[in-house]
Amino acid sequence: MDLQVLEFSSSRELDRMVENAQRATNFLKALSHESRLMILCILAEGEKSVSELEKLLALRQPTVSQQLARLRADKLVSTRRDGKTVYYSLASEDARVIIGAIYNVFCKKTRKK
């Protein structure tokens, strides 16, 4: 009987790992696009409007909006409306931690060698 409990526990653990692997895969796919990664890095510093993102990225509004739509679908960014302006921010602490790690590895000006 203990073996059955162990098998059930392992099966549940495996199911949880599969679910988490799928979430991680979706997260990494979202990060694998240069514009989306740049948007997330900018938003790690604080919320921004679409027009602010356009200026910072030197991209046209349709391009920025398309990438933001993908990030919203992946639940990586959240929105806040103030009148006609929509502001975007990182949707989770998980996103902030991962973006921070990427920044530390690839963007930090002074890296120890």
C-alpha atoms as a PDB file:
ATOM      1  CA  MET A   1       0.000   0.000   0.000  1.00  0.00           C
ATOM      2  CA  ASP A   2       2.843   2.419   0.745  1.00  0.00           C
ATOM      3  CA  LEU A   3       4.160   1.799  -2.773  1.00  0.00           C
ATOM      4  CA  GLN A   4       0.806   2.899  -4.237  1.00  0.00           C
ATOM      5  CA  VAL A   5       0.915   6.127  -2.216  1.00  0.00           C
ATOM      6  CA  LEU A   6       4.475   6.732  -3.400  1.00  0.00           C
ATOM      7  CA  GLU A   7       3.480   6.119  -7.040  1.00  0.00           C
ATOM      8  CA  PHE A   8       0.485   8.448  -6.672  1.00  0.00           C
ATOM      9  CA  SER A   9       2.670  11.115  -5.110  1.00  0.00           C
ATOM     10  CA  SER A  10       5.268  10.758  -7.871  1.00  0.00           C
ATOM     11  CA  SER A  11       2.562  10.929 -10.522  1.00  0.00           C
ATOM     12  CA  ARG A  12       1.181  14.145  -9.022  1.00  0.00           C
ATOM     13  CA  GLU A  13       4.692  15.559  -8.773  1.00  0.00           C
ATOM     14  CA  LEU A  14       5.337  14.668 -12.411  1.00  0.00           C
ATOM     15  CA  ASP A  15       2.055  16.323 -13.459  1.00  0.00           C
ATOM     16  CA  ARG A  16       3.070  19.454 -11.538  1.00  0.00           C
ATOM     17  CA  MET A  17       6.483  19.445 -13.203  1.00  0.00           C
ATOM     18  CA  VAL A  18       4.905  19.118 -16.663  1.00  0.00           C
ATOM     19  CA  GLU A  19       2.585  22.049 -15.927  1.00  0.00           C
ATOM     20  CA  ASN A  20       5.484  24.179 -14.658  1.00  0.00           C
ATOM     21  CA  ALA A  21       7.631  23.228 -17.662  1.00  0.00           C
ATOM     22  CA  GLN A  22       4.834  24.419 -19.967  1.00  0.00           C
ATOM     23  CA  ARG A  23       4.616  27.742 -18.094  1.00  0.00           C
ATOM     24  CA  ALA A  24       8.395  28.152 -18.274  1.00  0.00           C
ATOM     25  CA  THR A  25       8.410  27.332 -21.991  1.00  0.00           C
ATOM     26  CA  ASN A  26       5.725  29.939 -22.708  1.00  0.00           C
ATOM     27  CA  PHE A  27       7.610  32.494 -20.633  1.00  0.00           C
ATOM     28  CA  LEU A  28      10.877  31.824 -22.461  1.00  0.00           C
ATOM     29  CA  LYS A  29       9.162  31.993 -25.871  1.00  0.00           C
ATOM     30  CA  ALA A  30       7.874  35.452 -24.975  1.00  0.00           C
ATOM     31  CA  LEU A  31      11.397  36.508 -23.994  1.00  0.00           C
ATOM     32  CA  SER A  32      12.930  35.108 -27.177  1.00  0.00           C
ATOM     33  CA  HIS A  33      11.765  38.082 -29.268  1.00  0.00           C
ATOM     34  CA  GLU A  34      14.076  41.095 -29.100  1.00  0.00           C
ATOM     35  CA  SER A  35      11.327  43.749 -28.997  1.00  0.00           C
ATOM     36  CA  ARG A  36       9.344  41.916 -26.324  1.00  0.00           C
ATOM     37  CA  LEU A  37      12.481  41.459 -24.226  1.00  0.00           C
ATOM     38  CA  MET A  38      13.301  45.168 -24.566  1.00  0.00           C
ATOM     39  CA  ILE A  39       9.741  46.090 -23.541  1.00  0.00           C
ATOM     40  CA  LEU A  40       9.982  43.882 -20.460  1.00  0.00           C
ATOM     41  CA  CYS A  41      13.369  45.343 -19.535  1.00  0.00           C
ATOM     42  CA  ILE A  42      11.998  48.880 -19.829  1.00  0.00           C
ATOM     43  CA  LEU A  43       8.929  47.977 -17.783  1.00  0.00           C
ATOM     44  CA  ALA A  44      11.160  46.520 -15.063  1.00  0.00           C
ATOM     45  CA  GLU A  45      12.103  50.145 -14.357  1.00  0.00           C
ATOM     46  CA  GLY A  46       8.445  51.173 -13.993  1.00  0.00           C
ATOM     47  CA  GLU A  47       5.197  51.505 -15.882  1.00  0.00           C
ATOM     48  CA  LYS A  48       5.155  53.186 -19.285  1.00  0.00           C
ATOM     49  CA  SER A  49       2.552  54.212 -21.826  1.00  0.00           C
ATOM     50  CA  VAL A  50       2.560  52.933 -25.402  1.00  0.00           C
ATOM     51  CA  SER A  51       3.807  56.299 -26.650  1.00  0.00           C
ATOM     52  CA  GLU A  52       6.678  56.258 -24.141  1.00  0.00           C
ATOM     53  CA  LEU A  53       7.609  52.739 -25.263  1.00  0.00           C
ATOM     54  CA  GLU A  54       7.459  53.820 -28.932  1.00  0.00           C
ATOM     55  CA  LYS A  55       9.933  56.637 -28.271  1.00  0.00           C
ATOM     56  CA  LEU A  56      12.290  54.549 -26.154  1.00  0.00           C
ATOM     57  CA  LEU A  57      12.341  51.676 -28.657  1.00  0.00           C
ATOM     58  CA  ALA A  58      12.182  53.813 -31.814  1.00  0.00           C
ATOM     59  CA  LEU A  59       9.391  51.554 -33.089  1.00  0.00           C
ATOM     60  CA  ARG A  60       6.059  52.371 -34.689  1.00  0.00           C
ATOM     61  CA  GLN A  61       2.875  52.158 -32.618  1.00  0.00           C
ATOM     62  CA  PRO A  62       1.444  49.081 -34.410  1.00  0.00           C
ATOM     63  CA  THR A  63       4.641  47.136 -33.737  1.00  0.00           C
ATOM     64  CA  VAL A  64       4.715  48.086 -30.046  1.00  0.00           C
ATOM     65  CA  SER A  65       1.003  47.313 -29.673  1.00  0.00           C
ATOM     66  CA  GLN A  66       1.422  43.916 -31.324  1.00  0.00           C
ATOM     67  CA  GLN A  67       4.227  42.965 -28.943  1.00  0.00           C
ATOM     68  CA  LEU A  68       2.298  44.262 -25.926  1.00  0.00           C
ATOM     69  CA  ALA A  69      -0.709  42.173 -27.003  1.00  0.00           C
ATOM     70  CA  ARG A  70       1.476  39.059 -27.006  1.00  0.00           C
ATOM     71  CA  LEU A  71       2.872  39.946 -23.570  1.00  0.00           C
ATOM     72  CA  ARG A  72      -0.665  40.522 -22.244  1.00  0.00           C
ATOM     73  CA  ALA A  73      -1.776  37.153 -23.653  1.00  0.00           C
ATOM     74  CA  ASP A  74       1.169  35.531 -21.868  1.00  0.00           C
ATOM     75  CA  LYS A  75       0.172  37.385 -18.668  1.00  0.00           C
ATOM     76  CA  LEU A  76       3.574  39.057 -18.422  1.00  0.00           C
ATOM     77  CA  VAL A  77       2.282  42.634 -18.463  1.00  0.00           C
ATOM     78  CA  SER A  78      -0.733  44.297 -16.904  1.00  0.00           C
ATOM     79  CA  THR A  79      -2.479  47.525 -17.815  1.00  0.00           C
ATOM     80  CA  ARG A  80      -3.823  50.594 -16.072  1.00  0.00           C
ATOM     81  CA  ARG A  81      -5.959  53.175 -17.822  1.00  0.00           C
ATOM     82  CA  ASP A  82      -5.776  56.877 -17.006  1.00  0.00           C
ATOM     83  CA  GLY A  83      -8.195  58.734 -19.269  1.00  0.00           C
ATOM     84  CA  LYS A  84      -7.230  57.845 -22.836  1.00  0.00           C
ATOM     85  CA  THR A  85      -3.746  56.670 -21.897  1.00  0.00           C
ATOM     86  CA  VAL A  86      -3.020  53.024 -21.139  1.00  0.00           C
ATOM     87  CA  TYR A  87      -0.019  52.291 -18.959  1.00  0.00           C
ATOM     88  CA  TYR A  88       1.792  48.963 -18.941  1.00  0.00           C
ATOM     89  CA  SER A  89       3.764  47.331 -16.146  1.00  0.00           C
ATOM     90  CA  LEU A  90       5.195  43.925 -15.352  1.00  0.00           C
ATOM     91  CA  ALA A  91       2.402  41.652 -14.205  1.00  0.00           C
ATOM     92  CA  SER A  92       4.284  39.529 -11.707  1.00  0.00           C
ATOM     93  CA  GLU A  93       7.220  39.383  -9.371  1.00  0.00           C
ATOM     94  CA  ASP A  94       8.365  36.263 -11.283  1.00  0.00           C
ATOM     95  CA  ALA A  95       8.741  38.356 -14.442  1.00  0.00           C
ATOM     96  CA  ARG A  96      10.612  41.039 -12.496  1.00  0.00           C
ATOM     97  CA  VAL A  97      13.052  38.451 -11.053  1.00  0.00           C
ATOM     98  CA  ILE A  98      13.783  36.836 -14.443  1.00  0.00           C
ATOM     99  CA  ILE A  99      14.169  40.171 -16.238  1.00  0.00           C
ATOM    100  CA  GLY A 100      16.458  41.322 -13.423  1.00  0.00           C
ATOM    101  CA  ALA A 101      18.620  38.231 -13.866  1.00  0.00           C
ATOM    102  CA  ILE A 102      18.832  38.790 -17.632  1.00  0.00           C
ATOM    103  CA  TYR A 103      19.784  42.418 -17.025  1.00  0.00           C
ATOM    104  CA  ASN A 104      22.490  41.394 -14.558  1.00  0.00           C
ATOM    105  CA  VAL A 105      24.015  38.917 -17.002  1.00  0.00           C
ATOM    106  CA  PHE A 106      23.712  40.810 -20.297  1.00  0.00           C
ATOM    107  CA  CYS A 107      23.242  44.510 -19.597  1.00  0.00           C
ATOM    108  CA  LYS A 108      25.215  45.441 -16.515  1.00  0.00           C
ATOM    109  CA  LYS A 109      27.928  47.940 -17.463  1.00  0.00           C
ATOM    110  CA  THR A 110      30.592  46.576 -15.153  1.00  0.00           C
ATOM    111  CA  ARG A 111      30.837  42.812 -15.128  1.00  0.00           C
ATOM    112  CA  LYS A 112      33.389  40.804 -13.244  1.00  0.00           C
ATOM    113  CA  LYS A 113      35.446  38.629 -15.552  1.00  0.00           C
END
